[in-house]
Amino acid sequence: MKTIDIYDVKLKNKQAGKHFFDPLTMRAWRSRTSQTAYMSNDGRMFFVTSEIDSHGDCPRCYTVRVMDADGVVTNVSKFNQYSTSAQANKEAQRRAQEVK
């Protein structure tokens, strides 16, 4: 596992013709990304997004996500599962390290 900049994740997603990080998409979901991502030994990139919780459970909640080699992003955790960035980033890092 190695630590990478979220820019690398965004670039790979864009190069794959995907739109997960497009400004309009991010704005629609009121989403932000952490600056750090974690690359597993098999090349998957684990990262954290945060969104405003529409149910009011927390002002901004966090989701752990992974991007595969094709640029497809999926949730690793439940949507808005974490109430702090630190919790979500710890889980993203753990998931990336877990891959052998």
N, C-alpha and C. Protein backbone atom coordinates (compact mmCIF):
# COMPACT_ATOMS: atom_id res chain seq x y z
N MET A 1 0.84 -1.18 0.00
CA MET A 1 0.00 0.00 0.00
C MET A 1 0.87 1.23 0.00
N LYS A 2 0.50 2.21 -0.81
CA LYS A 2 1.21 3.48 -0.78
C LYS A 2 0.21 4.62 -0.77
N THR A 3 0.61 5.74 -0.19
CA THR A 3 -0.22 6.93 -0.12
C THR A 3 -0.02 7.72 -1.41
N ILE A 4 -1.14 8.17 -1.99
CA ILE A 4 -1.09 8.98 -3.21
C ILE A 4 -1.97 10.21 -3.05
N ASP A 5 -1.83 11.14 -3.94
CA ASP A 5 -2.63 12.36 -3.94
C ASP A 5 -3.96 12.08 -4.65
N ILE A 6 -5.04 12.66 -4.17
CA ILE A 6 -6.35 12.45 -4.78
C ILE A 6 -6.34 12.89 -6.24
N TYR A 7 -5.46 13.80 -6.61
CA TYR A 7 -5.35 14.24 -8.01
C TYR A 7 -5.12 13.04 -8.93
N ASP A 8 -4.31 12.08 -8.50
CA ASP A 8 -4.03 10.89 -9.31
C ASP A 8 -5.30 10.06 -9.53
N VAL A 9 -6.14 9.99 -8.53
CA VAL A 9 -7.39 9.25 -8.63
C VAL A 9 -8.32 9.96 -9.61
N LYS A 10 -8.44 11.27 -9.45
CA LYS A 10 -9.31 12.06 -10.33
C LYS A 10 -8.84 11.98 -11.78
N LEU A 11 -7.55 12.04 -11.99
CA LEU A 11 -7.00 11.99 -13.35
C LEU A 11 -7.29 10.64 -13.99
N LYS A 12 -7.09 9.58 -13.27
CA LYS A 12 -7.34 8.24 -13.81
C LYS A 12 -8.82 8.06 -14.15
N ASN A 13 -9.69 8.56 -13.31
CA ASN A 13 -11.13 8.48 -13.55
C ASN A 13 -11.49 9.23 -14.83
N LYS A 14 -10.93 10.42 -15.00
CA LYS A 14 -11.20 11.22 -16.19
C LYS A 14 -10.64 10.55 -17.45
N GLN A 15 -9.42 10.03 -17.36
CA GLN A 15 -8.81 9.37 -18.51
C GLN A 15 -9.60 8.13 -18.94
N ALA A 16 -10.29 7.52 -17.99
CA ALA A 16 -11.11 6.34 -18.30
C ALA A 16 -12.48 6.73 -18.87
N GLY A 17 -12.71 8.04 -19.00
CA GLY A 17 -13.98 8.51 -19.55
C GLY A 17 -15.12 8.50 -18.55
N LYS A 18 -14.80 8.45 -17.28
CA LYS A 18 -15.81 8.45 -16.22
C LYS A 18 -16.02 9.87 -15.71
N HIS A 19 -17.10 10.06 -14.95
CA HIS A 19 -17.48 11.42 -14.54
C HIS A 19 -17.71 11.57 -13.05
N PHE A 20 -17.19 10.65 -12.25
CA PHE A 20 -17.42 10.69 -10.81
C PHE A 20 -16.98 12.02 -10.21
N PHE A 21 -15.86 12.56 -10.65
CA PHE A 21 -15.29 13.77 -10.04
C PHE A 21 -15.61 15.05 -10.81
N ASP A 22 -16.45 14.98 -11.82
CA ASP A 22 -16.80 16.19 -12.56
C ASP A 22 -17.39 17.23 -11.60
N PRO A 23 -17.05 18.49 -11.79
CA PRO A 23 -17.54 19.53 -10.87
C PRO A 23 -19.06 19.55 -10.71
N LEU A 24 -19.80 19.34 -11.80
CA LEU A 24 -21.26 19.35 -11.69
C LEU A 24 -21.78 18.17 -10.87
N THR A 25 -21.14 17.03 -11.03
CA THR A 25 -21.51 15.85 -10.25
C THR A 25 -21.22 16.09 -8.78
N MET A 26 -20.04 16.60 -8.49
CA MET A 26 -19.65 16.85 -7.10
C MET A 26 -20.59 17.89 -6.47
N ARG A 27 -20.92 18.91 -7.23
CA ARG A 27 -21.81 19.96 -6.71
C ARG A 27 -23.21 19.40 -6.45
N ALA A 28 -23.70 18.56 -7.35
CA ALA A 28 -25.05 18.00 -7.19
C ALA A 28 -25.17 17.20 -5.89
N TRP A 29 -24.11 16.50 -5.53
CA TRP A 29 -24.11 15.69 -4.32
C TRP A 29 -23.56 16.45 -3.11
N ARG A 30 -23.15 17.72 -3.33
CA ARG A 30 -22.50 18.51 -2.29
C ARG A 30 -21.33 17.71 -1.69
N SER A 31 -20.55 17.14 -2.60
CA SER A 31 -19.50 16.20 -2.24
C SER A 31 -18.12 16.85 -2.28
N ARG A 32 -17.27 16.38 -1.39
CA ARG A 32 -15.86 16.78 -1.34
C ARG A 32 -15.01 15.50 -1.23
N THR A 33 -13.74 15.62 -1.57
CA THR A 33 -12.84 14.48 -1.42
C THR A 33 -11.73 14.83 -0.44
N SER A 34 -11.20 13.81 0.20
CA SER A 34 -10.01 14.03 1.00
C SER A 34 -8.84 14.24 0.04
N GLN A 35 -7.76 14.78 0.50
CA GLN A 35 -6.60 15.04 -0.36
C GLN A 35 -5.72 13.81 -0.54
N THR A 36 -5.87 12.85 0.35
CA THR A 36 -5.02 11.66 0.34
C THR A 36 -5.84 10.45 -0.08
N ALA A 37 -5.22 9.58 -0.87
CA ALA A 37 -5.82 8.30 -1.24
C ALA A 37 -4.77 7.22 -0.96
N TYR A 38 -5.21 5.98 -1.01
CA TYR A 38 -4.32 4.86 -0.69
C TYR A 38 -4.40 3.83 -1.80
N MET A 39 -3.26 3.52 -2.42
CA MET A 39 -3.23 2.55 -3.49
C MET A 39 -2.84 1.19 -2.93
N SER A 40 -3.67 0.20 -3.20
CA SER A 40 -3.40 -1.15 -2.74
C SER A 40 -2.38 -1.81 -3.68
N ASN A 41 -1.88 -2.95 -3.27
CA ASN A 41 -0.88 -3.67 -4.07
C ASN A 41 -1.41 -4.11 -5.43
N ASP A 42 -2.74 -4.24 -5.55
CA ASP A 42 -3.31 -4.63 -6.84
C ASP A 42 -3.73 -3.43 -7.70
N GLY A 43 -3.38 -2.21 -7.26
CA GLY A 43 -3.61 -1.01 -8.05
C GLY A 43 -4.93 -0.30 -7.81
N ARG A 44 -5.78 -0.85 -6.96
CA ARG A 44 -7.02 -0.14 -6.64
C ARG A 44 -6.71 1.04 -5.74
N MET A 45 -7.51 2.10 -5.88
CA MET A 45 -7.29 3.33 -5.14
C MET A 45 -8.45 3.56 -4.18
N PHE A 46 -8.15 3.57 -2.89
CA PHE A 46 -9.14 3.78 -1.84
C PHE A 46 -9.08 5.24 -1.41
N PHE A 47 -10.25 5.87 -1.26
CA PHE A 47 -10.28 7.28 -0.88
C PHE A 47 -11.58 7.58 -0.15
N VAL A 48 -11.69 8.80 0.34
CA VAL A 48 -12.85 9.21 1.14
C VAL A 48 -13.53 10.40 0.49
N THR A 49 -14.86 10.34 0.46
CA THR A 49 -15.64 11.51 0.07
C THR A 49 -16.50 11.91 1.26
N SER A 50 -16.95 13.15 1.24
CA SER A 50 -17.89 13.59 2.26
C SER A 50 -19.04 14.30 1.56
N GLU A 51 -20.21 14.13 2.14
CA GLU A 51 -21.42 14.74 1.62
C GLU A 51 -22.23 15.30 2.77
N ILE A 52 -23.07 16.28 2.47
CA ILE A 52 -24.00 16.79 3.46
C ILE A 52 -25.08 15.72 3.64
N ASP A 53 -25.35 15.36 4.87
CA ASP A 53 -26.36 14.35 5.16
C ASP A 53 -27.75 14.97 5.03
N SER A 54 -28.51 14.48 4.09
CA SER A 54 -29.85 15.05 3.85
C SER A 54 -30.85 14.68 4.95
N HIS A 55 -30.51 13.70 5.79
CA HIS A 55 -31.41 13.29 6.87
C HIS A 55 -31.10 14.00 8.18
N GLY A 56 -30.03 14.79 8.21
CA GLY A 56 -29.71 15.56 9.39
C GLY A 56 -29.00 14.81 10.49
N ASP A 57 -28.54 13.58 10.21
CA ASP A 57 -27.85 12.81 11.25
C ASP A 57 -26.49 13.42 11.61
N CYS A 58 -25.83 13.99 10.64
CA CYS A 58 -24.59 14.72 10.89
C CYS A 58 -24.44 15.76 9.80
N PRO A 59 -23.80 16.88 10.09
CA PRO A 59 -23.72 17.96 9.11
C PRO A 59 -22.98 17.55 7.83
N ARG A 60 -21.92 16.79 7.97
CA ARG A 60 -21.15 16.28 6.84
C ARG A 60 -20.67 14.91 7.23
N CYS A 61 -21.04 13.91 6.44
CA CYS A 61 -20.66 12.54 6.75
C CYS A 61 -19.72 12.01 5.67
N TYR A 62 -19.07 10.90 5.95
CA TYR A 62 -17.96 10.42 5.12
C TYR A 62 -18.20 8.99 4.64
N THR A 63 -17.76 8.74 3.41
CA THR A 63 -17.91 7.44 2.76
C THR A 63 -16.56 6.98 2.23
N VAL A 64 -16.23 5.72 2.45
CA VAL A 64 -15.00 5.14 1.90
C VAL A 64 -15.36 4.55 0.54
N ARG A 65 -14.55 4.88 -0.46
CA ARG A 65 -14.79 4.42 -1.82
C ARG A 65 -13.52 3.81 -2.39
N VAL A 66 -13.69 3.08 -3.49
CA VAL A 66 -12.55 2.49 -4.19
C VAL A 66 -12.75 2.68 -5.69
N MET A 67 -11.65 2.95 -6.38
CA MET A 67 -11.68 3.02 -7.83
C MET A 67 -10.87 1.88 -8.38
N ASP A 68 -11.46 1.12 -9.31
CA ASP A 68 -10.76 -0.02 -9.90
C ASP A 68 -9.92 0.43 -11.10
N ALA A 69 -9.27 -0.52 -11.73
CA ALA A 69 -8.37 -0.23 -12.85
C ALA A 69 -9.09 0.38 -14.04
N ASP A 70 -10.40 0.17 -14.15
CA ASP A 70 -11.18 0.73 -15.25
C ASP A 70 -11.72 2.11 -14.95
N GLY A 71 -11.41 2.65 -13.78
CA GLY A 71 -11.88 3.98 -13.40
C GLY A 71 -13.25 4.00 -12.77
N VAL A 72 -13.81 2.83 -12.50
CA VAL A 72 -15.14 2.74 -11.89
C VAL A 72 -15.02 2.89 -10.38
N VAL A 73 -15.83 3.79 -9.82
CA VAL A 73 -15.82 4.05 -8.38
C VAL A 73 -17.03 3.36 -7.74
N THR A 74 -16.77 2.64 -6.64
CA THR A 74 -17.84 2.01 -5.87
C THR A 74 -17.62 2.29 -4.38
N ASN A 75 -18.69 2.15 -3.63
CA ASN A 75 -18.60 2.33 -2.18
C ASN A 75 -17.97 1.10 -1.56
N VAL A 76 -17.11 1.34 -0.58
CA VAL A 76 -16.55 0.27 0.24
C VAL A 76 -17.35 0.21 1.55
N SER A 77 -17.67 1.37 2.07
CA SER A 77 -18.49 1.45 3.28
C SER A 77 -19.92 1.78 2.87
N LYS A 78 -20.80 1.79 3.85
CA LYS A 78 -22.14 2.30 3.60
C LYS A 78 -22.04 3.79 3.31
N PHE A 79 -22.95 4.31 2.52
CA PHE A 79 -22.97 5.73 2.20
C PHE A 79 -23.12 6.54 3.49
N ASN A 80 -22.22 7.50 3.68
CA ASN A 80 -22.23 8.38 4.86
C ASN A 80 -22.11 7.61 6.17
N GLN A 81 -21.36 6.52 6.16
CA GLN A 81 -21.23 5.66 7.34
C GLN A 81 -20.46 6.33 8.48
N TYR A 82 -19.50 7.18 8.16
CA TYR A 82 -18.60 7.73 9.18
C TYR A 82 -18.93 9.18 9.49
N SER A 83 -18.83 9.52 10.76
CA SER A 83 -19.12 10.90 11.16
C SER A 83 -17.88 11.79 11.17
N THR A 84 -16.68 11.19 11.06
CA THR A 84 -15.47 12.01 10.99
C THR A 84 -14.57 11.55 9.85
N SER A 85 -13.81 12.49 9.35
CA SER A 85 -12.84 12.22 8.29
C SER A 85 -11.78 11.24 8.77
N ALA A 86 -11.34 11.40 10.01
CA ALA A 86 -10.30 10.53 10.56
C ALA A 86 -10.75 9.07 10.58
N GLN A 87 -11.98 8.81 10.98
CA GLN A 87 -12.50 7.44 10.99
C GLN A 87 -12.51 6.85 9.59
N ALA A 88 -13.02 7.62 8.63
CA ALA A 88 -13.14 7.13 7.26
C ALA A 88 -11.77 6.91 6.63
N ASN A 89 -10.83 7.83 6.85
CA ASN A 89 -9.50 7.66 6.28
C ASN A 89 -8.76 6.47 6.89
N LYS A 90 -8.97 6.23 8.16
CA LYS A 90 -8.37 5.07 8.81
C LYS A 90 -8.88 3.78 8.15
N GLU A 91 -10.17 3.74 7.85
CA GLU A 91 -10.77 2.57 7.21
C GLU A 91 -10.28 2.43 5.76
N ALA A 92 -10.16 3.52 5.03
CA ALA A 92 -9.65 3.47 3.66
C ALA A 92 -8.23 2.93 3.64
N GLN A 93 -7.42 3.40 4.55
CA GLN A 93 -6.04 2.93 4.65
C GLN A 93 -5.99 1.45 5.02
N ARG A 94 -6.82 1.03 5.95
CA ARG A 94 -6.87 -0.37 6.35
C ARG A 94 -7.26 -1.26 5.19
N ARG A 95 -8.27 -0.84 4.41
CA ARG A 95 -8.72 -1.62 3.27
C ARG A 95 -7.61 -1.76 2.22
N ALA A 96 -6.88 -0.68 1.98
CA ALA A 96 -5.81 -0.72 0.99
C ALA A 96 -4.69 -1.65 1.45
N GLN A 97 -4.38 -1.64 2.74
CA GLN A 97 -3.32 -2.50 3.29
C GLN A 97 -3.74 -3.96 3.29
N GLU A 98 -5.02 -4.21 3.38
CA GLU A 98 -5.55 -5.55 3.49
C GLU A 98 -5.34 -6.37 2.20
N VAL A 99 -5.25 -5.66 1.07
CA VAL A 99 -5.09 -6.33 -0.23
C VAL A 99 -3.65 -6.79 -0.37
N LYS A 100 -3.46 -8.07 -0.62
CA LYS A 100 -2.11 -8.64 -0.76
C LYS A 100 -1.71 -8.76 -2.21
